[in-house]
Amino acid sequence: MQKGIIDRFEGDFAIIEIGDHTIDIPKSKLPINVNVGDQVMIDGKTITLDSEGTKKLRAEIDALADDLFEE
């Protein structure tokens, strides 16, 4: 099983970052409710949204932004 992050959508494909590389997956293979920045779990041909992982990523990004823009 691999973890990936939805980087962007290009036409009918989602570009997913996995470690230091990206893969292109047809949007039709993704859960209907995924967005850019969401973390997904890829297990063979099954792709699921990792809601808990997404929440953790967003919290980390918010904390970094707060540190960056701290006065």
PDB file of N, CA and C in Angstrom:
ATOM      1  N   MET A   1       0.841  -1.175   0.000  1.00  0.00           N
ATOM      2  CA  MET A   1       0.000   0.000   0.000  1.00  0.00           C
ATOM      3  C   MET A   1       0.890   1.243   0.000  1.00  0.00           C
ATOM      4  N   GLN A   2       0.505   2.231  -0.803  1.00  0.00           N
ATOM      5  CA  GLN A   2       1.260   3.474  -0.898  1.00  0.00           C
ATOM      6  C   GLN A   2       0.379   4.649  -0.512  1.00  0.00           C
ATOM      7  N   LYS A   3       1.009   5.672   0.062  1.00  0.00           N
ATOM      8  CA  LYS A   3       0.320   6.926   0.348  1.00  0.00           C
ATOM      9  C   LYS A   3       0.710   7.931  -0.712  1.00  0.00           C
ATOM     10  N   GLY A   4      -0.249   8.704  -1.160  1.00  0.00           N
ATOM     11  CA  GLY A   4       0.021   9.740  -2.133  1.00  0.00           C
ATOM     12  C   GLY A   4      -0.792  10.977  -1.817  1.00  0.00           C
ATOM     13  N   ILE A   5      -0.427  12.081  -2.444  1.00  0.00           N
ATOM     14  CA  ILE A   5      -1.135  13.347  -2.267  1.00  0.00           C
ATOM     15  C   ILE A   5      -1.573  13.843  -3.644  1.00  0.00           C
ATOM     16  N   ILE A   6      -2.837  14.222  -3.752  1.00  0.00           N
ATOM     17  CA  ILE A   6      -3.336  14.773  -5.011  1.00  0.00           C
ATOM     18  C   ILE A   6      -2.663  16.121  -5.233  1.00  0.00           C
ATOM     19  N   ASP A   7      -1.822  16.202  -6.249  1.00  0.00           N
ATOM     20  CA  ASP A   7      -1.093  17.435  -6.554  1.00  0.00           C
ATOM     21  C   ASP A   7      -1.936  18.379  -7.401  1.00  0.00           C
ATOM     22  N   ARG A   8      -2.574  17.809  -8.422  1.00  0.00           N
ATOM     23  CA  ARG A   8      -3.370  18.646  -9.324  1.00  0.00           C
ATOM     24  C   ARG A   8      -4.188  17.732 -10.245  1.00  0.00           C
ATOM     25  N   PHE A   9      -5.096  18.364 -10.975  1.00  0.00           N
ATOM     26  CA  PHE A   9      -5.874  17.669 -11.993  1.00  0.00           C
ATOM     27  C   PHE A   9      -5.505  18.257 -13.346  1.00  0.00           C
ATOM     28  N   GLU A  10      -5.303  17.389 -14.309  1.00  0.00           N
ATOM     29  CA  GLU A  10      -5.010  17.806 -15.684  1.00  0.00           C
ATOM     30  C   GLU A  10      -5.941  17.025 -16.603  1.00  0.00           C
ATOM     31  N   GLY A  11      -6.932  17.709 -17.123  1.00  0.00           N
ATOM     32  CA  GLY A  11      -7.897  17.031 -17.982  1.00  0.00           C
ATOM     33  C   GLY A  11      -8.614  15.934 -17.209  1.00  0.00           C
ATOM     34  N   ASP A  12      -8.556  14.720 -17.720  1.00  0.00           N
ATOM     35  CA  ASP A  12      -9.226  13.583 -17.098  1.00  0.00           C
ATOM     36  C   ASP A  12      -8.331  12.830 -16.116  1.00  0.00           C
ATOM     37  N   PHE A  13      -7.195  13.405 -15.774  1.00  0.00           N
ATOM     38  CA  PHE A  13      -6.240  12.719 -14.899  1.00  0.00           C
ATOM     39  C   PHE A  13      -5.961  13.501 -13.618  1.00  0.00           C
ATOM     40  N   ALA A  14      -5.660  12.757 -12.568  1.00  0.00           N
ATOM     41  CA  ALA A  14      -5.161  13.323 -11.320  1.00  0.00           C
ATOM     42  C   ALA A  14      -3.672  13.028 -11.275  1.00  0.00           C
ATOM     43  N   ILE A  15      -2.887  14.020 -10.929  1.00  0.00           N
ATOM     44  CA  ILE A  15      -1.455  13.845 -10.753  1.00  0.00           C
ATOM     45  C   ILE A  15      -1.236  13.651  -9.257  1.00  0.00           C
ATOM     46  N   ILE A  16      -0.701  12.497  -8.897  1.00  0.00           N
ATOM     47  CA  ILE A  16      -0.540  12.135  -7.494  1.00  0.00           C
ATOM     48  C   ILE A  16       0.939  12.025  -7.164  1.00  0.00           C
ATOM     49  N   GLU A  17       1.358  12.749  -6.131  1.00  0.00           N
ATOM     50  CA  GLU A  17       2.743  12.684  -5.652  1.00  0.00           C
ATOM     51  C   GLU A  17       2.873  11.485  -4.715  1.00  0.00           C
ATOM     52  N   ILE A  18       3.862  10.654  -5.012  1.00  0.00           N
ATOM     53  CA  ILE A  18       4.196   9.529  -4.136  1.00  0.00           C
ATOM     54  C   ILE A  18       5.698   9.625  -3.907  1.00  0.00           C
ATOM     55  N   GLY A  19       6.074  10.046  -2.720  1.00  0.00           N
ATOM     56  CA  GLY A  19       7.499  10.232  -2.435  1.00  0.00           C
ATOM     57  C   GLY A  19       8.080  11.296  -3.340  1.00  0.00           C
ATOM     58  N   ASP A  20       9.100  10.914  -4.108  1.00  0.00           N
ATOM     59  CA  ASP A  20       9.782  11.887  -4.971  1.00  0.00           C
ATOM     60  C   ASP A  20       9.380  11.779  -6.436  1.00  0.00           C
ATOM     61  N   HIS A  21       8.280  11.086  -6.720  1.00  0.00           N
ATOM     62  CA  HIS A  21       7.809  10.998  -8.101  1.00  0.00           C
ATOM     63  C   HIS A  21       6.286  11.169  -8.154  1.00  0.00           C
ATOM     64  N   THR A  22       5.769  11.311  -9.365  1.00  0.00           N
ATOM     65  CA  THR A  22       4.324  11.458  -9.541  1.00  0.00           C
ATOM     66  C   THR A  22       3.805  10.360 -10.452  1.00  0.00           C
ATOM     67  N   ILE A  23       2.525  10.068 -10.289  1.00  0.00           N
ATOM     68  CA  ILE A  23       1.848   9.147 -11.188  1.00  0.00           C
ATOM     69  C   ILE A  23       0.567   9.815 -11.674  1.00  0.00           C
ATOM     70  N   ASP A  24       0.123   9.418 -12.852  1.00  0.00           N
ATOM     71  CA  ASP A  24      -1.123   9.923 -13.424  1.00  0.00           C
ATOM     72  C   ASP A  24      -2.178   8.829 -13.293  1.00  0.00           C
ATOM     73  N   ILE A  25      -3.297   9.188 -12.690  1.00  0.00           N
ATOM     74  CA  ILE A  25      -4.388   8.238 -12.497  1.00  0.00           C
ATOM     75  C   ILE A  25      -5.653   8.862 -13.107  1.00  0.00           C
ATOM     76  N   PRO A  26      -6.409   8.095 -13.877  1.00  0.00           N
ATOM     77  CA  PRO A  26      -7.667   8.644 -14.384  1.00  0.00           C
ATOM     78  C   PRO A  26      -8.578   9.073 -13.225  1.00  0.00           C
ATOM     79  N   LYS A  27      -9.190  10.239 -13.361  1.00  0.00           N
ATOM     80  CA  LYS A  27     -10.083  10.734 -12.308  1.00  0.00           C
ATOM     81  C   LYS A  27     -11.208   9.748 -12.029  1.00  0.00           C
ATOM     82  N   SER A  28     -11.583   8.983 -13.015  1.00  0.00           N
ATOM     83  CA  SER A  28     -12.670   8.016 -12.849  1.00  0.00           C
ATOM     84  C   SER A  28     -12.313   6.909 -11.856  1.00  0.00           C
ATOM     85  N   LYS A  29     -11.029   6.722 -11.572  1.00  0.00           N
ATOM     86  CA  LYS A  29     -10.575   5.695 -10.627  1.00  0.00           C
ATOM     87  C   LYS A  29     -10.522   6.207  -9.191  1.00  0.00           C
ATOM     88  N   LEU A  30     -10.730   7.514  -8.992  1.00  0.00           N
ATOM     89  CA  LEU A  30     -10.639   8.122  -7.670  1.00  0.00           C
ATOM     90  C   LEU A  30     -12.001   8.179  -6.997  1.00  0.00           C
ATOM     91  N   PRO A  31     -12.012   8.227  -5.673  1.00  0.00           N
ATOM     92  CA  PRO A  31     -13.283   8.489  -4.983  1.00  0.00           C
ATOM     93  C   PRO A  31     -13.827   9.833  -5.450  1.00  0.00           C
ATOM     94  N   ILE A  32     -15.123   9.965  -5.494  1.00  0.00           N
ATOM     95  CA  ILE A  32     -15.761  11.149  -6.066  1.00  0.00           C
ATOM     96  C   ILE A  32     -15.475  12.428  -5.294  1.00  0.00           C
ATOM     97  N   ASN A  33     -15.135  12.329  -4.019  1.00  0.00           N
ATOM     98  CA  ASN A  33     -15.013  13.523  -3.178  1.00  0.00           C
ATOM     99  C   ASN A  33     -13.579  13.969  -2.932  1.00  0.00           C
ATOM    100  N   VAL A  34     -12.607  13.558  -3.763  1.00  0.00           N
ATOM    101  CA  VAL A  34     -11.224  13.976  -3.529  1.00  0.00           C
ATOM    102  C   VAL A  34     -10.964  15.357  -4.111  1.00  0.00           C
ATOM    103  N   ASN A  35     -10.036  16.058  -3.465  1.00  0.00           N
ATOM    104  CA  ASN A  35      -9.646  17.401  -3.883  1.00  0.00           C
ATOM    105  C   ASN A  35      -8.129  17.507  -3.914  1.00  0.00           C
ATOM    106  N   VAL A  36      -7.635  18.561  -4.544  1.00  0.00           N
ATOM    107  CA  VAL A  36      -6.201  18.844  -4.530  1.00  0.00           C
ATOM    108  C   VAL A  36      -5.760  18.968  -3.072  1.00  0.00           C
ATOM    109  N   GLY A  37      -4.651  18.324  -2.735  1.00  0.00           N
ATOM    110  CA  GLY A  37      -4.123  18.366  -1.376  1.00  0.00           C
ATOM    111  C   GLY A  37      -4.554  17.199  -0.509  1.00  0.00           C
ATOM    112  N   ASP A  38      -5.522  16.421  -0.973  1.00  0.00           N
ATOM    113  CA  ASP A  38      -5.975  15.265  -0.191  1.00  0.00           C
ATOM    114  C   ASP A  38      -4.958  14.137  -0.243  1.00  0.00           C
ATOM    115  N   GLN A  39      -4.870  13.411   0.852  1.00  0.00           N
ATOM    116  CA  GLN A  39      -4.019  12.224   0.899  1.00  0.00           C
ATOM    117  C   GLN A  39      -4.867  11.021   0.522  1.00  0.00           C
ATOM    118  N   VAL A  40      -4.318  10.153  -0.314  1.00  0.00           N
ATOM    119  CA  VAL A  40      -5.010   8.946  -0.735  1.00  0.00           C
ATOM    120  C   VAL A  40      -4.139   7.728  -0.451  1.00  0.00           C
ATOM    121  N   MET A  41      -4.800   6.585  -0.301  1.00  0.00           N
ATOM    122  CA  MET A  41      -4.120   5.316  -0.124  1.00  0.00           C
ATOM    123  C   MET A  41      -4.319   4.522  -1.410  1.00  0.00           C
ATOM    124  N   ILE A  42      -3.220   4.016  -1.953  1.00  0.00           N
ATOM    125  CA  ILE A  42      -3.275   3.260  -3.195  1.00  0.00           C
ATOM    126  C   ILE A  42      -2.876   1.826  -2.880  1.00  0.00           C
ATOM    127  N   ASP A  43      -3.816   0.916  -3.082  1.00  0.00           N
ATOM    128  CA  ASP A  43      -3.595  -0.497  -2.808  1.00  0.00           C
ATOM    129  C   ASP A  43      -3.957  -1.265  -4.072  1.00  0.00           C
ATOM    130  N   GLY A  44      -2.948  -1.470  -4.900  1.00  0.00           N
ATOM    131  CA  GLY A  44      -3.211  -2.114  -6.190  1.00  0.00           C
ATOM    132  C   GLY A  44      -4.048  -1.197  -7.059  1.00  0.00           C
ATOM    133  N   LYS A  45      -5.241  -1.667  -7.413  1.00  0.00           N
ATOM    134  CA  LYS A  45      -6.137  -0.868  -8.255  1.00  0.00           C
ATOM    135  C   LYS A  45      -7.148  -0.083  -7.439  1.00  0.00           C
ATOM    136  N   THR A  46      -7.110  -0.211  -6.118  1.00  0.00           N
ATOM    137  CA  THR A  46      -8.054   0.476  -5.245  1.00  0.00           C
ATOM    138  C   THR A  46      -7.427   1.741  -4.674  1.00  0.00           C
ATOM    139  N   ILE A  47      -8.132   2.846  -4.810  1.00  0.00           N
ATOM    140  CA  ILE A  47      -7.672   4.127  -4.282  1.00  0.00           C
ATOM    141  C   ILE A  47      -8.753   4.650  -3.350  1.00  0.00           C
ATOM    142  N   THR A  48      -8.347   4.957  -2.118  1.00  0.00           N
ATOM    143  CA  THR A  48      -9.294   5.477  -1.137  1.00  0.00           C
ATOM    144  C   THR A  48      -8.774   6.780  -0.554  1.00  0.00           C
ATOM    145  N   LEU A  49      -9.700   7.619  -0.133  1.00  0.00           N
ATOM    146  CA  LEU A  49      -9.357   8.871   0.516  1.00  0.00           C
ATOM    147  C   LEU A  49      -8.937   8.583   1.948  1.00  0.00           C
ATOM    148  N   ASP A  50      -7.798   9.134   2.359  1.00  0.00           N
ATOM    149  CA  ASP A  50      -7.316   8.997   3.737  1.00  0.00           C
ATOM    150  C   ASP A  50      -7.664  10.295   4.467  1.00  0.00           C
ATOM    151  N   SER A  51      -8.881  10.349   4.997  1.00  0.00           N
ATOM    152  CA  SER A  51      -9.370  11.581   5.646  1.00  0.00           C
ATOM    153  C   SER A  51      -8.497  11.994   6.815  1.00  0.00           C
ATOM    154  N   GLU A  52      -8.090  11.029   7.629  1.00  0.00           N
ATOM    155  CA  GLU A  52      -7.263  11.347   8.797  1.00  0.00           C
ATOM    156  C   GLU A  52      -5.894  11.873   8.357  1.00  0.00           C
ATOM    157  N   GLY A  53      -5.304  11.245   7.344  1.00  0.00           N
ATOM    158  CA  GLY A  53      -4.026  11.711   6.814  1.00  0.00           C
ATOM    159  C   GLY A  53      -4.129  13.103   6.233  1.00  0.00           C
ATOM    160  N   THR A  54      -5.242  13.389   5.554  1.00  0.00           N
ATOM    161  CA  THR A  54      -5.468  14.716   4.991  1.00  0.00           C
ATOM    162  C   THR A  54      -5.557  15.761   6.096  1.00  0.00           C
ATOM    163  N   LYS A  55      -6.273  15.447   7.168  1.00  0.00           N
ATOM    164  CA  LYS A  55      -6.390  16.381   8.297  1.00  0.00           C
ATOM    165  C   LYS A  55      -5.021  16.683   8.893  1.00  0.00           C
ATOM    166  N   LYS A  56      -4.188  15.657   9.048  1.00  0.00           N
ATOM    167  CA  LYS A  56      -2.847  15.853   9.612  1.00  0.00           C
ATOM    168  C   LYS A  56      -1.992  16.716   8.700  1.00  0.00           C
ATOM    169  N   LEU A  57      -2.048  16.460   7.392  1.00  0.00           N
ATOM    170  CA  LEU A  57      -1.279  17.266   6.441  1.00  0.00           C
ATOM    171  C   LEU A  57      -1.694  18.728   6.490  1.00  0.00           C
ATOM    172  N   ARG A  58      -2.992  18.979   6.521  1.00  0.00           N
ATOM    173  CA  ARG A  58      -3.476  20.360   6.546  1.00  0.00           C
ATOM    174  C   ARG A  58      -3.079  21.058   7.838  1.00  0.00           C
ATOM    175  N   ALA A  59      -3.100  20.320   8.958  1.00  0.00           N
ATOM    176  CA  ALA A  59      -2.683  20.904  10.236  1.00  0.00           C
ATOM    177  C   ALA A  59      -1.201  21.273  10.193  1.00  0.00           C
ATOM    178  N   GLU A  60      -0.370  20.398   9.592  1.00  0.00           N
ATOM    179  CA  GLU A  60       1.065  20.679   9.463  1.00  0.00           C
ATOM    180  C   GLU A  60       1.295  21.905   8.591  1.00  0.00           C
ATOM    181  N   ILE A  61       0.572  22.009   7.499  1.00  0.00           N
ATOM    182  CA  ILE A  61       0.729  23.150   6.596  1.00  0.00           C
ATOM    183  C   ILE A  61       0.291  24.439   7.282  1.00  0.00           C
ATOM    184  N   ASP A  62      -0.829  24.375   8.008  1.00  0.00           N
ATOM    185  CA  ASP A  62      -1.292  25.555   8.740  1.00  0.00           C
ATOM    186  C   ASP A  62      -0.262  26.005   9.775  1.00  0.00           C
ATOM    187  N   ALA A  63       0.344  25.056  10.481  1.00  0.00           N
ATOM    188  CA  ALA A  63       1.350  25.385  11.485  1.00  0.00           C
ATOM    189  C   ALA A  63       2.577  26.027  10.832  1.00  0.00           C
ATOM    190  N   LEU A  64       3.005  25.506   9.691  1.00  0.00           N
ATOM    191  CA  LEU A  64       4.136  26.094   8.977  1.00  0.00           C
ATOM    192  C   LEU A  64       3.813  27.516   8.511  1.00  0.00           C
ATOM    193  N   ALA A  65       2.605  27.709   8.004  1.00  0.00           N
ATOM    194  CA  ALA A  65       2.204  29.044   7.544  1.00  0.00           C
ATOM    195  C   ALA A  65       2.149  30.010   8.724  1.00  0.00           C
ATOM    196  N   ASP A  66       1.637  29.549   9.852  1.00  0.00           N
ATOM    197  CA  ASP A  66       1.599  30.403  11.037  1.00  0.00           C
ATOM    198  C   ASP A  66       2.999  30.820  11.464  1.00  0.00           C
ATOM    199  N   ASP A  67       3.951  29.876  11.441  1.00  0.00           N
ATOM    200  CA  ASP A  67       5.329  30.188  11.790  1.00  0.00           C
ATOM    201  C   ASP A  67       5.949  31.164  10.806  1.00  0.00           C
ATOM    202  N   LEU A  68       5.635  30.986   9.540  1.00  0.00           N
ATOM    203  CA  LEU A  68       6.203  31.829   8.490  1.00  0.00           C
ATOM    204  C   LEU A  68       5.717  33.271   8.595  1.00  0.00           C
ATOM    205  N   PHE A  69       4.441  33.443   8.907  1.00  0.00           N
ATOM    206  CA  PHE A  69       3.850  34.773   8.925  1.00  0.00           C
ATOM    207  C   PHE A  69       3.692  35.341  10.321  1.00  0.00           C
ATOM    208  N   GLU A  70       4.357  34.722  11.278  1.00  0.00           N
ATOM    209  CA  GLU A  70       4.316  35.213  12.659  1.00  0.00           C
ATOM    210  C   GLU A  70       4.989  36.566  12.744  1.00  0.00           C
ATOM    211  N   GLU A  71       4.375  37.473  13.472  1.00  0.00           N
ATOM    212  CA  GLU A  71       4.954  38.821  13.573  1.00  0.00           C
ATOM    213  C   GLU A  71       5.842  38.935  14.784  1.00  0.00           C
TER     214      GLU A  71
END
